[in-house]
Amino acid sequence: MNLSSHFRRAAVLGLSLLLAAQLGVGACAASVFDAAYYAETNPDVAAACGTDEASLLRHYLSSGQAEGRKPSARGKAGDSLKLTNEQIALVWSPVPLKDLANYKSLKKKMTDEQYQAAYQEAVNLVLPVALSSREEQLTYIAAALRERFDSGMSYSMDADHYNDPYGYFVLGSASCAGCTRATGLCLNVLGIPYEHVNENQYSHQWCRVPVGDTYWICDAYGLYCGPEPAPYQHPYFQ
């Protein structure tokens, strides 16, 4: 089932704008984190946690922000942070490949080497939102995967690895099943559980993700990321 060209353009634009927002384009309410400043102005923290950047950053995120401490000389007390990917990597670790909740479903016919390559692509993709809320993470993943598709990928149901993350991330050709598994790999890397809707069926497929007391659809190919209208119902596919 294809979306109308008018709706398709609008949906792609919407996801692109959401991706820009997630990347912090135009954001002005966040502060950088200066480890040296934080240690110098918070000697109690330095004495308890040490002076390495990772330990100080973990302290600010876990309690310093709530306590109203300043993250930098130019920052304000309790500021949210605009972190670099390198700083995020200091305090966040992806779920190891062997421990992924949907390991068997995701692997399909990938070799171990291919699985590792796809896994690393997923880790790189989710890193900017590793410390964000689940809603922000889902929105970012859907938009980033859609942007990847629109940047030169092709839809296929017969190419090698068309239905797994290696096809999507490395070979650049995949069906909605491959997109769903690429999405699922990103989710599992973040420790987020999901259900692969219509798995192994000749039907549109997507990830169904628990968010609080409800469920969201995360579907880059179907151009939708948000609450499901009813259990297992997609707003654009019947």
C-alpha atoms as a PDB file:
ATOM      1  CA  MET A   1       0.000   0.000   0.000  1.00  0.00           C
ATOM      2  CA  ASN A   2       1.575   3.285  -1.129  1.00  0.00           C
ATOM      3  CA  LEU A   3       1.025   6.685   0.427  1.00  0.00           C
ATOM      4  CA  SER A   4      -0.072   9.505  -1.816  1.00  0.00           C
ATOM      5  CA  SER A   5       2.816  11.571  -3.188  1.00  0.00           C
ATOM      6  CA  HIS A   6       1.482  14.680  -1.409  1.00  0.00           C
ATOM      7  CA  PHE A   7       1.290  12.975   1.968  1.00  0.00           C
ATOM      8  CA  ARG A   8       4.622  11.273   1.375  1.00  0.00           C
ATOM      9  CA  ARG A   9       6.392  14.595   0.816  1.00  0.00           C
ATOM     10  CA  ALA A  10       4.778  16.068   3.917  1.00  0.00           C
ATOM     11  CA  ALA A  11       5.687  13.054   6.034  1.00  0.00           C
ATOM     12  CA  VAL A  12       9.301  13.031   4.861  1.00  0.00           C
ATOM     13  CA  LEU A  13       9.563  16.752   5.622  1.00  0.00           C
ATOM     14  CA  GLY A  14       8.086  16.177   9.063  1.00  0.00           C
ATOM     15  CA  LEU A  15      10.584  13.445   9.896  1.00  0.00           C
ATOM     16  CA  SER A  16      13.429  15.592   8.576  1.00  0.00           C
ATOM     17  CA  LEU A  17      12.384  18.451  10.838  1.00  0.00           C
ATOM     18  CA  LEU A  18      12.166  16.069  13.782  1.00  0.00           C
ATOM     19  CA  LEU A  19      15.676  14.821  13.042  1.00  0.00           C
ATOM     20  CA  ALA A  20      16.981  18.399  12.926  1.00  0.00           C
ATOM     21  CA  ALA A  21      15.336  19.101  16.268  1.00  0.00           C
ATOM     22  CA  GLN A  22      16.869  15.968  17.785  1.00  0.00           C
ATOM     23  CA  LEU A  23      20.309  16.988  16.555  1.00  0.00           C
ATOM     24  CA  GLY A  24      19.920  20.270  18.401  1.00  0.00           C
ATOM     25  CA  VAL A  25      19.640  22.567  15.395  1.00  0.00           C
ATOM     26  CA  GLY A  26      18.674  25.963  16.735  1.00  0.00           C
ATOM     27  CA  ALA A  27      18.709  24.765  20.331  1.00  0.00           C
ATOM     28  CA  CYS A  28      19.789  27.410  22.849  1.00  0.00           C
ATOM     29  CA  ALA A  29      18.774  26.097  26.279  1.00  0.00           C
ATOM     30  CA  ALA A  30      21.681  23.707  26.857  1.00  0.00           C
ATOM     31  CA  SER A  31      25.126  24.272  28.324  1.00  0.00           C
ATOM     32  CA  VAL A  32      28.461  22.604  27.665  1.00  0.00           C
ATOM     33  CA  PHE A  33      30.113  20.614  30.446  1.00  0.00           C
ATOM     34  CA  ASP A  34      33.542  21.783  31.610  1.00  0.00           C
ATOM     35  CA  ALA A  35      35.092  19.056  33.760  1.00  0.00           C
ATOM     36  CA  ALA A  36      37.962  21.217  35.021  1.00  0.00           C
ATOM     37  CA  TYR A  37      35.575  23.977  36.104  1.00  0.00           C
ATOM     38  CA  TYR A  38      33.211  21.467  37.724  1.00  0.00           C
ATOM     39  CA  ALA A  39      36.014  19.885  39.733  1.00  0.00           C
ATOM     40  CA  GLU A  40      37.437  23.231  40.840  1.00  0.00           C
ATOM     41  CA  THR A  41      34.125  24.707  41.970  1.00  0.00           C
ATOM     42  CA  ASN A  42      32.870  21.486  43.542  1.00  0.00           C
ATOM     43  CA  PRO A  43      35.774  20.147  45.630  1.00  0.00           C
ATOM     44  CA  ASP A  44      33.417  17.842  47.533  1.00  0.00           C
ATOM     45  CA  VAL A  45      32.504  16.109  44.285  1.00  0.00           C
ATOM     46  CA  ALA A  46      36.132  15.902  43.143  1.00  0.00           C
ATOM     47  CA  ALA A  47      37.120  14.398  46.494  1.00  0.00           C
ATOM     48  CA  ALA A  48      34.378  11.784  46.332  1.00  0.00           C
ATOM     49  CA  CYS A  49      34.358  10.980  42.622  1.00  0.00           C
ATOM     50  CA  GLY A  50      37.779  11.902  41.319  1.00  0.00           C
ATOM     51  CA  THR A  51      38.709  14.473  38.689  1.00  0.00           C
ATOM     52  CA  ASP A  52      38.401  12.482  35.462  1.00  0.00           C
ATOM     53  CA  GLU A  53      35.808  13.816  33.052  1.00  0.00           C
ATOM     54  CA  ALA A  54      33.695  10.660  32.991  1.00  0.00           C
ATOM     55  CA  SER A  55      33.231  10.551  36.768  1.00  0.00           C
ATOM     56  CA  LEU A  56      32.458  14.255  37.007  1.00  0.00           C
ATOM     57  CA  LEU A  57      30.005  14.105  34.128  1.00  0.00           C
ATOM     58  CA  ARG A  58      28.237  11.118  35.661  1.00  0.00           C
ATOM     59  CA  HIS A  59      27.906  13.048  38.913  1.00  0.00           C
ATOM     60  CA  TYR A  60      26.391  16.081  37.217  1.00  0.00           C
ATOM     61  CA  LEU A  61      23.896  13.962  35.292  1.00  0.00           C
ATOM     62  CA  SER A  62      22.932  11.798  38.260  1.00  0.00           C
ATOM     63  CA  SER A  63      22.722  14.461  40.972  1.00  0.00           C
ATOM     64  CA  GLY A  64      24.639  17.663  40.294  1.00  0.00           C
ATOM     65  CA  GLN A  65      22.049  19.055  37.934  1.00  0.00           C
ATOM     66  CA  ALA A  66      19.220  18.417  40.398  1.00  0.00           C
ATOM     67  CA  GLU A  67      21.314  19.978  43.160  1.00  0.00           C
ATOM     68  CA  GLY A  68      21.625  23.185  41.169  1.00  0.00           C
ATOM     69  CA  ARG A  69      25.333  23.008  40.447  1.00  0.00           C
ATOM     70  CA  LYS A  70      26.792  24.857  37.449  1.00  0.00           C
ATOM     71  CA  PRO A  71      28.230  22.731  34.631  1.00  0.00           C
ATOM     72  CA  SER A  72      30.555  25.449  33.329  1.00  0.00           C
ATOM     73  CA  ALA A  73      31.588  29.033  33.983  1.00  0.00           C
ATOM     74  CA  ARG A  74      29.095  30.316  31.422  1.00  0.00           C
ATOM     75  CA  GLY A  75      26.389  27.836  32.359  1.00  0.00           C
ATOM     76  CA  LYS A  76      23.587  28.351  34.800  1.00  0.00           C
ATOM     77  CA  ALA A  77      22.762  26.349  37.895  1.00  0.00           C
ATOM     78  CA  GLY A  78      21.008  23.127  36.918  1.00  0.00           C
ATOM     79  CA  ASP A  79      21.404  23.656  33.169  1.00  0.00           C
ATOM     80  CA  SER A  80      20.654  20.788  30.817  1.00  0.00           C
ATOM     81  CA  LEU A  81      23.679  19.736  28.810  1.00  0.00           C
ATOM     82  CA  LYS A  82      24.599  19.769  25.165  1.00  0.00           C
ATOM     83  CA  LEU A  83      27.100  16.928  25.028  1.00  0.00           C
ATOM     84  CA  THR A  84      29.424  15.869  22.257  1.00  0.00           C
ATOM     85  CA  ASN A  85      29.318  12.273  21.040  1.00  0.00           C
ATOM     86  CA  GLU A  86      32.661  11.746  22.760  1.00  0.00           C
ATOM     87  CA  GLN A  87      31.234  12.889  26.102  1.00  0.00           C
ATOM     88  CA  ILE A  88      28.152  10.693  25.701  1.00  0.00           C
ATOM     89  CA  ALA A  89      30.423   7.723  25.045  1.00  0.00           C
ATOM     90  CA  LEU A  90      32.145   8.392  28.380  1.00  0.00           C
ATOM     91  CA  VAL A  91      28.989   7.714  30.357  1.00  0.00           C
ATOM     92  CA  TRP A  92      26.967   5.392  28.115  1.00  0.00           C
ATOM     93  CA  SER A  93      27.640   1.864  26.900  1.00  0.00           C
ATOM     94  CA  PRO A  94      25.548   0.077  24.264  1.00  0.00           C
ATOM     95  CA  VAL A  95      23.992  -3.270  25.078  1.00  0.00           C
ATOM     96  CA  PRO A  96      26.567  -5.854  23.926  1.00  0.00           C
ATOM     97  CA  LEU A  97      25.681  -7.622  20.699  1.00  0.00           C
ATOM     98  CA  LYS A  98      25.446 -11.034  22.393  1.00  0.00           C
ATOM     99  CA  ASP A  99      22.959  -9.644  24.930  1.00  0.00           C
ATOM    100  CA  LEU A 100      20.501  -8.047  22.498  1.00  0.00           C
ATOM    101  CA  ALA A 101      16.942  -8.967  23.454  1.00  0.00           C
ATOM    102  CA  ASN A 102      15.932  -9.786  19.869  1.00  0.00           C
ATOM    103  CA  TYR A 103      19.260 -11.350  18.854  1.00  0.00           C
ATOM    104  CA  LYS A 104      17.891 -14.306  16.852  1.00  0.00           C
ATOM    105  CA  SER A 105      15.152 -12.326  15.121  1.00  0.00           C
ATOM    106  CA  LEU A 106      17.616  -9.657  14.099  1.00  0.00           C
ATOM    107  CA  LYS A 107      20.383 -11.918  12.822  1.00  0.00           C
ATOM    108  CA  LYS A 108      18.484 -13.809  10.087  1.00  0.00           C
ATOM    109  CA  LYS A 109      21.184 -15.022   7.642  1.00  0.00           C
ATOM    110  CA  MET A 110      23.903 -12.565   8.614  1.00  0.00           C
ATOM    111  CA  THR A 111      27.325 -13.981   9.398  1.00  0.00           C
ATOM    112  CA  ASP A 112      28.884 -12.999  12.704  1.00  0.00           C
ATOM    113  CA  GLU A 113      31.061 -10.473  10.873  1.00  0.00           C
ATOM    114  CA  GLN A 114      28.074  -8.964   9.074  1.00  0.00           C
ATOM    115  CA  TYR A 115      26.120  -8.792  12.321  1.00  0.00           C
ATOM    116  CA  GLN A 116      29.016  -6.971  13.971  1.00  0.00           C
ATOM    117  CA  ALA A 117      29.185  -4.473  11.089  1.00  0.00           C
ATOM    118  CA  ALA A 118      25.445  -3.760  11.294  1.00  0.00           C
ATOM    119  CA  TYR A 119      25.652  -3.518  15.089  1.00  0.00           C
ATOM    120  CA  GLN A 120      28.394  -0.888  14.895  1.00  0.00           C
ATOM    121  CA  GLU A 121      26.339   1.162  12.438  1.00  0.00           C
ATOM    122  CA  ALA A 122      23.416   1.056  14.869  1.00  0.00           C
ATOM    123  CA  VAL A 123      25.642   2.112  17.773  1.00  0.00           C
ATOM    124  CA  ASN A 124      26.943   5.061  15.761  1.00  0.00           C
ATOM    125  CA  LEU A 125      23.428   6.084  14.762  1.00  0.00           C
ATOM    126  CA  VAL A 126      21.919   6.124  18.258  1.00  0.00           C
ATOM    127  CA  LEU A 127      24.876   7.678  20.082  1.00  0.00           C
ATOM    128  CA  PRO A 128      23.594  11.304  19.861  1.00  0.00           C
ATOM    129  CA  VAL A 129      20.376  10.338  21.704  1.00  0.00           C
ATOM    130  CA  ALA A 130      21.719   7.655  24.036  1.00  0.00           C
ATOM    131  CA  LEU A 131      20.886   9.829  27.076  1.00  0.00           C
ATOM    132  CA  SER A 132      17.596  11.240  25.763  1.00  0.00           C
ATOM    133  CA  SER A 133      14.025  10.298  26.627  1.00  0.00           C
ATOM    134  CA  ARG A 134      12.468   7.262  24.960  1.00  0.00           C
ATOM    135  CA  GLU A 135      10.153   9.436  22.878  1.00  0.00           C
ATOM    136  CA  GLU A 136      13.127  11.441  21.645  1.00  0.00           C
ATOM    137  CA  GLN A 137      15.067   8.277  20.887  1.00  0.00           C
ATOM    138  CA  LEU A 138      12.263   6.736  18.835  1.00  0.00           C
ATOM    139  CA  THR A 139      11.701   9.933  16.883  1.00  0.00           C
ATOM    140  CA  TYR A 140      15.390  10.285  16.168  1.00  0.00           C
ATOM    141  CA  ILE A 141      15.832   6.669  15.050  1.00  0.00           C
ATOM    142  CA  ALA A 142      12.865   6.825  12.660  1.00  0.00           C
ATOM    143  CA  ALA A 143      14.012  10.122  11.172  1.00  0.00           C
ATOM    144  CA  ALA A 144      17.672   9.111  10.884  1.00  0.00           C
ATOM    145  CA  LEU A 145      16.849   5.795   9.213  1.00  0.00           C
ATOM    146  CA  ARG A 146      14.469   7.539   6.830  1.00  0.00           C
ATOM    147  CA  GLU A 147      17.127  10.103   5.959  1.00  0.00           C
ATOM    148  CA  ARG A 148      19.545   7.271   5.215  1.00  0.00           C
ATOM    149  CA  PHE A 149      17.015   5.687   2.849  1.00  0.00           C
ATOM    150  CA  ASP A 150      16.298   8.979   1.078  1.00  0.00           C
ATOM    151  CA  SER A 151      20.028   9.582   0.612  1.00  0.00           C
ATOM    152  CA  GLY A 152      20.481   6.840  -1.978  1.00  0.00           C
ATOM    153  CA  MET A 153      19.134   3.525  -0.711  1.00  0.00           C
ATOM    154  CA  SER A 154      16.773   1.338  -2.719  1.00  0.00           C
ATOM    155  CA  TYR A 155      13.753  -0.743  -1.771  1.00  0.00           C
ATOM    156  CA  SER A 156      14.117  -4.431  -2.575  1.00  0.00           C
ATOM    157  CA  MET A 157      12.531  -7.757  -1.737  1.00  0.00           C
ATOM    158  CA  ASP A 158      15.098  -9.914  -3.520  1.00  0.00           C
ATOM    159  CA  ALA A 159      18.524  -8.321  -2.999  1.00  0.00           C
ATOM    160  CA  ASP A 160      21.028 -10.003  -0.689  1.00  0.00           C
ATOM    161  CA  HIS A 161      20.105  -9.365   2.940  1.00  0.00           C
ATOM    162  CA  TYR A 162      16.988  -7.419   1.943  1.00  0.00           C
ATOM    163  CA  ASN A 163      15.315  -8.394   5.219  1.00  0.00           C
ATOM    164  CA  ASP A 164      18.076  -7.809   7.767  1.00  0.00           C
ATOM    165  CA  PRO A 165      20.072  -4.892   9.239  1.00  0.00           C
ATOM    166  CA  TYR A 166      23.152  -5.649   7.125  1.00  0.00           C
ATOM    167  CA  GLY A 167      21.140  -5.014   3.980  1.00  0.00           C
ATOM    168  CA  TYR A 168      19.861  -1.727   5.350  1.00  0.00           C
ATOM    169  CA  PHE A 169      22.992  -0.383   7.006  1.00  0.00           C
ATOM    170  CA  VAL A 170      25.775  -1.722   4.780  1.00  0.00           C
ATOM    171  CA  LEU A 171      24.443  -2.833   1.392  1.00  0.00           C
ATOM    172  CA  GLY A 172      21.921   0.004   1.108  1.00  0.00           C
ATOM    173  CA  SER A 173      19.011  -2.087  -0.118  1.00  0.00           C
ATOM    174  CA  ALA A 174      16.186  -3.470   1.997  1.00  0.00           C
ATOM    175  CA  SER A 175      12.476  -4.158   2.299  1.00  0.00           C
ATOM    176  CA  CYS A 176      10.260  -2.962   5.144  1.00  0.00           C
ATOM    177  CA  ALA A 177      11.344  -6.126   6.989  1.00  0.00           C
ATOM    178  CA  GLY A 178      14.976  -5.039   6.711  1.00  0.00           C
ATOM    179  CA  CYS A 179      14.083  -1.540   7.840  1.00  0.00           C
ATOM    180  CA  THR A 180      12.149  -2.935  10.796  1.00  0.00           C
ATOM    181  CA  ARG A 181      15.083  -5.070  11.864  1.00  0.00           C
ATOM    182  CA  ALA A 182      17.483  -2.135  11.434  1.00  0.00           C
ATOM    183  CA  THR A 183      15.127  -0.119  13.647  1.00  0.00           C
ATOM    184  CA  GLY A 184      14.943  -2.978  16.129  1.00  0.00           C
ATOM    185  CA  LEU A 185      18.712  -3.243  16.268  1.00  0.00           C
ATOM    186  CA  CYS A 186      18.943   0.453  17.146  1.00  0.00           C
ATOM    187  CA  LEU A 187      16.316  -0.002  19.835  1.00  0.00           C
ATOM    188  CA  ASN A 188      17.987  -3.067  21.346  1.00  0.00           C
ATOM    189  CA  VAL A 189      21.370  -1.310  21.391  1.00  0.00           C
ATOM    190  CA  LEU A 190      19.722   1.286  23.649  1.00  0.00           C
ATOM    191  CA  GLY A 191      18.145  -1.429  25.790  1.00  0.00           C
ATOM    192  CA  ILE A 192      14.644  -0.694  24.472  1.00  0.00           C
ATOM    193  CA  PRO A 193      12.328  -3.698  24.013  1.00  0.00           C
ATOM    194  CA  TYR A 194      10.104  -3.918  20.957  1.00  0.00           C
ATOM    195  CA  GLU A 195       7.816  -6.246  19.043  1.00  0.00           C
ATOM    196  CA  HIS A 196       8.297  -6.882  15.322  1.00  0.00           C
ATOM    197  CA  VAL A 197       4.743  -6.549  13.987  1.00  0.00           C
ATOM    198  CA  ASN A 198       3.846  -8.861  11.074  1.00  0.00           C
ATOM    199  CA  GLU A 199       7.264 -10.519  11.218  1.00  0.00           C
ATOM    200  CA  ASN A 200       7.837 -12.992   8.358  1.00  0.00           C
ATOM    201  CA  GLN A 201       4.533 -12.069   6.746  1.00  0.00           C
ATOM    202  CA  TYR A 202       3.901 -10.639   3.291  1.00  0.00           C
ATOM    203  CA  SER A 203       2.635  -7.424   4.810  1.00  0.00           C
ATOM    204  CA  HIS A 204       3.955  -4.070   5.992  1.00  0.00           C
ATOM    205  CA  GLN A 205       6.113  -4.449   9.111  1.00  0.00           C
ATOM    206  CA  TRP A 206       7.160  -2.113  11.915  1.00  0.00           C
ATOM    207  CA  CYS A 207       8.399  -1.930  15.496  1.00  0.00           C
ATOM    208  CA  ARG A 208       5.894  -1.702  18.325  1.00  0.00           C
ATOM    209  CA  VAL A 209       7.553  -0.116  21.349  1.00  0.00           C
ATOM    210  CA  PRO A 210       6.311   0.330  24.948  1.00  0.00           C
ATOM    211  CA  VAL A 211       6.369   3.975  26.017  1.00  0.00           C
ATOM    212  CA  GLY A 212       4.999   4.526  29.510  1.00  0.00           C
ATOM    213  CA  ASP A 213       1.479   3.139  29.674  1.00  0.00           C
ATOM    214  CA  THR A 214       1.001   2.998  25.915  1.00  0.00           C
ATOM    215  CA  TYR A 215       2.734   1.798  22.735  1.00  0.00           C
ATOM    216  CA  TRP A 216       4.390   3.688  19.926  1.00  0.00           C
ATOM    217  CA  ILE A 217       4.987   2.753  16.326  1.00  0.00           C
ATOM    218  CA  CYS A 218       8.535   3.377  15.092  1.00  0.00           C
ATOM    219  CA  ASP A 219       8.419   3.032  11.313  1.00  0.00           C
ATOM    220  CA  ALA A 220      10.893   4.841   9.069  1.00  0.00           C
ATOM    221  CA  TYR A 221       9.638   3.215   5.845  1.00  0.00           C
ATOM    222  CA  GLY A 222       6.009   3.867   6.705  1.00  0.00           C
ATOM    223  CA  LEU A 223       6.807   7.489   7.610  1.00  0.00           C
ATOM    224  CA  TYR A 224       5.276   7.359  11.049  1.00  0.00           C
ATOM    225  CA  CYS A 225       6.655   7.548  14.571  1.00  0.00           C
ATOM    226  CA  GLY A 226       4.184   8.091  17.387  1.00  0.00           C
ATOM    227  CA  PRO A 227       1.439   6.475  19.477  1.00  0.00           C
ATOM    228  CA  GLU A 228      -0.467   3.660  17.811  1.00  0.00           C
ATOM    229  CA  PRO A 229      -4.145   4.555  17.239  1.00  0.00           C
ATOM    230  CA  ALA A 230      -5.245   1.145  18.552  1.00  0.00           C
ATOM    231  CA  PRO A 231      -3.395  -2.044  19.494  1.00  0.00           C
ATOM    232  CA  TYR A 232      -1.414  -3.314  16.491  1.00  0.00           C
ATOM    233  CA  GLN A 233      -3.007  -0.774  14.163  1.00  0.00           C
ATOM    234  CA  HIS A 234      -0.923   1.458  11.919  1.00  0.00           C
ATOM    235  CA  PRO A 235      -2.447   4.813  10.954  1.00  0.00           C
ATOM    236  CA  TYR A 236      -1.401   4.419   7.292  1.00  0.00           C
ATOM    237  CA  PHE A 237      -1.634   0.655   6.650  1.00  0.00           C
ATOM    238  CA  GLN A 238      -4.545  -1.685   7.162  1.00  0.00           C
END
